[in-house]
Amino acid sequence: MRRPLSRLVEFARRKSAHSFVACDMEGVRVISWNLLRRTGATVHDIAALIEAEKPDVLLMQEATVEIDVLPDVIGGHYARNPQPGRIHGVACWSRIPFARAPRACTIPSGPLFKRHAQIIEYENFSLANVHLSHGQMLNRKQLRRLATLLSPPCAILGDFNLLGPTLVPGFKDVGPKAPTHRMVDLLPIRIDRCLVEGMQCLSARVLPVFASDHRPIAVTLRPLIGL
């Protein structure tokens, strides 16, 4: 099936607009984890993961108000953005100070649930924390929308609910290839992903099953400098 012309144009634009070289900054260790709202990981489970894995940034999906005490437990910087009309949302914890307060960004949504992503900006790079829809056309549309809002160096991480290629022009899928979830507790699938543009992935792995029905993914990313 041919790509729509607009998608090819966008890919060519992003491809030609930036050339990159490695910057002097060491890799940033990022973990993404769907907590499984209320019946999954607790704030103490999250603190234990941070203590064990020493991430610079932890992105969370299905985080509830109970998780808001995390900085009181372990310090750091924290922000949560609930999904519209839901008890849970996307949240981030960081050792690194934010360049500005993380913000919610509306993305295309289905008829039942509204969705938004969390945009997190640092001095040298930005991240999008996502919990995408299950519809395989809709979640790709949501990713393409986010791609237009981010400037490299950047990464999109989270629960994509997506099977197969992401089809996002200019971005590379650098997350671990191992399954991260069992659909209906039977079929192992890889739906927790990491896409990057203008960033180098130094390592990627799936962490052991712990307190949730999703396995956390851990990546070490190094921003690249545009020429």
Protein backbone atom coordinates (compact mmCIF):
# COMPACT_ATOMS: atom_id res chain seq x y z
CA MET A 1 0.00 0.00 0.00
CA ARG A 2 1.39 3.41 -0.96
CA ARG A 3 2.08 6.00 1.67
CA PRO A 4 -0.06 9.14 1.42
CA LEU A 5 1.82 11.91 -0.38
CA SER A 6 1.63 14.18 2.67
CA ARG A 7 3.43 11.56 4.76
CA LEU A 8 6.22 11.26 2.22
CA VAL A 9 6.60 15.03 2.09
CA GLU A 10 6.78 15.23 5.89
CA PHE A 11 9.39 12.46 5.99
CA ALA A 12 11.53 14.22 3.36
CA ARG A 13 11.22 17.53 5.20
CA ARG A 14 12.32 16.08 8.53
CA LYS A 15 15.07 14.05 6.88
CA SER A 16 16.62 17.01 5.10
CA ALA A 17 16.09 19.62 7.80
CA HIS A 18 18.49 18.09 10.31
CA SER A 19 21.90 16.48 10.34
CA PHE A 20 23.20 15.40 13.71
CA VAL A 21 26.43 14.71 15.55
CA ALA A 22 26.86 13.30 19.04
CA CYS A 23 26.95 15.90 21.82
CA ASP A 24 29.20 15.78 24.87
CA MET A 25 26.28 15.00 27.18
CA GLU A 26 26.28 11.51 28.68
CA GLY A 27 23.32 9.23 28.06
CA VAL A 28 20.05 9.87 29.87
CA ARG A 29 18.50 6.76 31.39
CA VAL A 30 14.72 6.72 30.87
CA ILE A 31 12.24 4.13 32.13
CA SER A 32 8.63 3.92 30.96
CA TRP A 33 6.07 1.90 32.91
CA ASN A 34 2.30 1.36 32.77
CA LEU A 35 1.46 1.05 36.47
CA LEU A 36 -1.95 -0.65 36.12
CA ARG A 37 -4.15 1.86 37.91
CA ARG A 38 -4.87 1.23 41.60
CA THR A 39 -4.54 -2.58 41.41
CA GLY A 40 -0.94 -2.50 40.17
CA ALA A 41 2.19 -0.66 41.27
CA THR A 42 2.01 1.47 44.41
CA VAL A 43 4.08 4.54 45.18
CA HIS A 44 6.40 2.31 47.22
CA ASP A 45 6.82 -0.07 44.29
CA ILE A 46 7.78 2.90 42.11
CA ALA A 47 10.25 4.17 44.71
CA ALA A 48 11.78 0.67 44.88
CA LEU A 49 12.18 0.63 41.09
CA ILE A 50 13.87 4.03 41.15
CA GLU A 51 16.23 2.91 43.91
CA ALA A 52 17.10 -0.30 42.05
CA GLU A 53 17.45 1.02 38.48
CA LYS A 54 18.62 4.61 39.11
CA PRO A 55 16.81 6.22 36.14
CA ASP A 56 17.22 9.89 35.35
CA VAL A 57 13.59 10.01 34.18
CA LEU A 58 10.67 7.71 34.93
CA LEU A 59 7.59 8.01 32.72
CA MET A 60 4.38 6.46 34.03
CA GLN A 61 1.03 5.61 32.49
CA GLU A 62 -2.20 4.90 34.43
CA ALA A 63 -0.90 6.95 37.36
CA THR A 64 -3.56 7.94 39.90
CA VAL A 65 -3.70 10.63 42.56
CA GLU A 66 -2.14 8.19 45.03
CA ILE A 67 1.15 8.47 43.10
CA ASP A 68 1.36 12.24 43.71
CA VAL A 69 3.24 11.67 46.99
CA LEU A 70 6.19 10.14 45.12
CA PRO A 71 8.47 13.22 45.47
CA ASP A 72 7.77 13.21 49.20
CA VAL A 73 8.95 9.60 49.36
CA ILE A 74 12.03 9.79 47.14
CA GLY A 75 12.57 13.45 46.20
CA GLY A 76 13.06 14.64 42.64
CA HIS A 77 10.74 16.52 40.30
CA TYR A 78 7.24 15.27 39.47
CA ALA A 79 4.17 16.10 37.41
CA ARG A 80 0.96 14.23 36.58
CA ASN A 81 -1.62 15.00 33.90
CA PRO A 82 -4.87 13.01 34.31
CA GLN A 83 -6.64 11.83 31.18
CA PRO A 84 -9.93 13.70 30.67
CA GLY A 85 -12.73 12.05 32.63
CA ARG A 86 -10.50 9.23 33.95
CA ILE A 87 -9.08 8.43 37.38
CA HIS A 88 -5.62 7.95 35.91
CA GLY A 89 -3.23 9.65 33.53
CA VAL A 90 0.38 10.11 32.48
CA ALA A 91 2.98 11.17 35.03
CA CYS A 92 6.72 11.74 35.13
CA TRP A 93 9.38 11.72 37.82
CA SER A 94 12.82 13.18 37.16
CA ARG A 95 16.16 13.65 38.85
CA ILE A 96 16.83 16.40 36.29
CA PRO A 97 15.01 19.74 36.71
CA PHE A 98 12.46 20.43 34.00
CA ALA A 99 13.18 23.35 31.67
CA ARG A 100 9.51 24.21 32.10
CA ALA A 101 6.54 22.55 33.80
CA PRO A 102 5.39 19.43 31.89
CA ARG A 103 2.20 20.09 29.98
CA ALA A 104 -0.72 18.10 28.62
CA CYS A 105 -1.10 18.04 24.85
CA THR A 106 -4.39 17.03 23.25
CA ILE A 107 -4.10 14.29 20.63
CA PRO A 108 -6.75 12.81 18.29
CA SER A 109 -9.20 10.73 20.31
CA GLY A 110 -11.82 8.08 19.76
CA PRO A 111 -15.55 8.38 20.45
CA LEU A 112 -15.35 6.93 23.98
CA PHE A 113 -12.22 8.31 25.62
CA LYS A 114 -10.36 11.57 25.21
CA ARG A 115 -6.58 11.32 25.23
CA HIS A 116 -3.63 13.58 25.71
CA ALA A 117 0.11 13.17 25.95
CA GLN A 118 2.51 14.70 28.45
CA ILE A 119 5.26 16.86 26.95
CA ILE A 120 8.39 17.16 29.08
CA GLU A 121 11.08 19.63 28.12
CA TYR A 122 14.68 19.70 29.28
CA GLU A 123 17.54 21.98 28.33
CA ASN A 124 18.92 19.68 25.62
CA PHE A 125 15.99 17.44 24.62
CA SER A 126 12.28 16.79 25.05
CA LEU A 127 10.13 13.73 25.74
CA ALA A 128 6.52 12.81 25.09
CA ASN A 129 4.90 10.42 27.57
CA VAL A 130 1.96 8.61 25.97
CA HIS A 131 -0.84 6.14 26.61
CA LEU A 132 -2.32 5.72 23.16
CA SER A 133 -5.66 4.35 21.98
CA HIS A 134 -6.18 0.71 21.03
CA GLY A 135 -7.35 1.46 17.49
CA GLN A 136 -4.46 0.65 15.16
CA MET A 137 -5.18 3.52 12.79
CA LEU A 138 -5.98 5.96 15.57
CA ASN A 139 -2.85 5.33 17.63
CA ARG A 140 -0.67 5.86 14.56
CA LYS A 141 -2.54 9.10 13.89
CA GLN A 142 -1.86 10.16 17.47
CA LEU A 143 1.86 9.49 17.02
CA ARG A 144 2.01 11.47 13.80
CA ARG A 145 0.30 14.38 15.55
CA LEU A 146 2.91 14.31 18.32
CA ALA A 147 5.71 14.17 15.76
CA THR A 148 4.60 17.54 14.40
CA LEU A 149 4.74 19.09 17.88
CA LEU A 150 8.22 17.91 18.85
CA SER A 151 11.58 19.18 17.67
CA PRO A 152 14.68 17.00 17.73
CA PRO A 153 16.40 15.86 19.83
CA CYS A 154 13.25 14.19 21.16
CA ALA A 155 11.71 10.86 22.05
CA ILE A 156 8.20 9.43 22.39
CA LEU A 157 7.80 6.71 25.01
CA GLY A 158 4.97 4.88 26.71
CA ASP A 159 2.17 2.41 26.21
CA PHE A 160 1.49 2.60 22.47
CA ASN A 161 -1.17 -0.17 22.35
CA LEU A 162 0.23 -0.64 18.86
CA LEU A 163 1.22 -3.76 16.95
CA GLY A 164 3.67 -3.74 14.05
CA PRO A 165 5.52 -0.73 12.58
CA THR A 166 4.67 2.72 13.90
CA LEU A 167 4.93 4.50 10.51
CA VAL A 168 6.03 7.85 11.95
CA PRO A 169 8.19 9.81 9.46
CA GLY A 170 11.61 10.78 10.76
CA PHE A 171 11.45 8.67 13.93
CA LYS A 172 13.25 5.40 14.70
CA ASP A 173 11.85 2.65 16.91
CA VAL A 174 14.79 1.98 19.26
CA GLY A 175 12.99 0.39 22.21
CA PRO A 176 13.65 -3.18 23.32
CA LYS A 177 12.20 -5.90 21.09
CA ALA A 178 11.09 -8.29 23.82
CA PRO A 179 7.39 -8.53 24.79
CA THR A 180 6.21 -6.13 27.49
CA HIS A 181 2.62 -7.32 28.09
CA ARG A 182 0.42 -10.40 27.77
CA MET A 183 -2.79 -9.76 25.88
CA VAL A 184 -5.69 -11.40 27.78
CA ASP A 185 -2.95 -12.92 29.96
CA LEU A 186 -1.93 -15.26 27.14
CA LEU A 187 -0.33 -13.70 24.08
CA PRO A 188 3.00 -11.90 24.67
CA ILE A 189 3.12 -8.62 22.75
CA ARG A 190 5.42 -5.58 22.54
CA ILE A 191 3.30 -2.49 23.04
CA ASP A 192 5.55 -0.39 25.27
CA ARG A 193 7.77 1.47 22.82
CA CYS A 194 10.39 4.19 22.36
CA LEU A 195 10.69 6.33 19.22
CA VAL A 196 13.50 8.85 18.77
CA GLU A 197 14.52 11.61 16.42
CA GLY A 198 17.91 13.25 16.83
CA MET A 199 18.81 10.94 19.72
CA GLN A 200 21.12 7.96 19.88
CA CYS A 201 20.02 4.87 21.81
CA LEU A 202 22.95 3.47 23.78
CA SER A 203 21.04 0.61 25.41
CA ALA A 204 17.52 -0.80 25.59
CA ARG A 205 16.04 -3.59 27.66
CA VAL A 206 12.82 -4.86 29.20
CA LEU A 207 12.88 -5.04 32.99
CA PRO A 208 11.47 -7.99 34.96
CA VAL A 209 7.75 -8.30 35.71
CA PHE A 210 7.05 -6.30 38.84
CA ALA A 211 3.75 -5.20 40.44
CA SER A 212 1.94 -4.51 37.13
CA ASP A 213 0.71 -6.34 34.04
CA HIS A 214 3.24 -4.35 31.96
CA ARG A 215 6.99 -4.83 32.14
CA PRO A 216 8.91 -1.54 32.34
CA ILE A 217 11.22 -0.64 29.47
CA ALA A 218 14.57 1.06 30.10
CA VAL A 219 16.53 2.97 27.46
CA THR A 220 19.67 5.08 27.62
CA LEU A 221 19.45 7.96 25.14
CA ARG A 222 22.02 10.55 24.13
CA PRO A 223 20.85 13.76 22.46
CA LEU A 224 22.51 14.63 19.16
CA ILE A 225 23.34 18.15 18.07
CA GLY A 226 21.79 19.45 14.84
CA LEU A 227 24.09 20.90 12.20
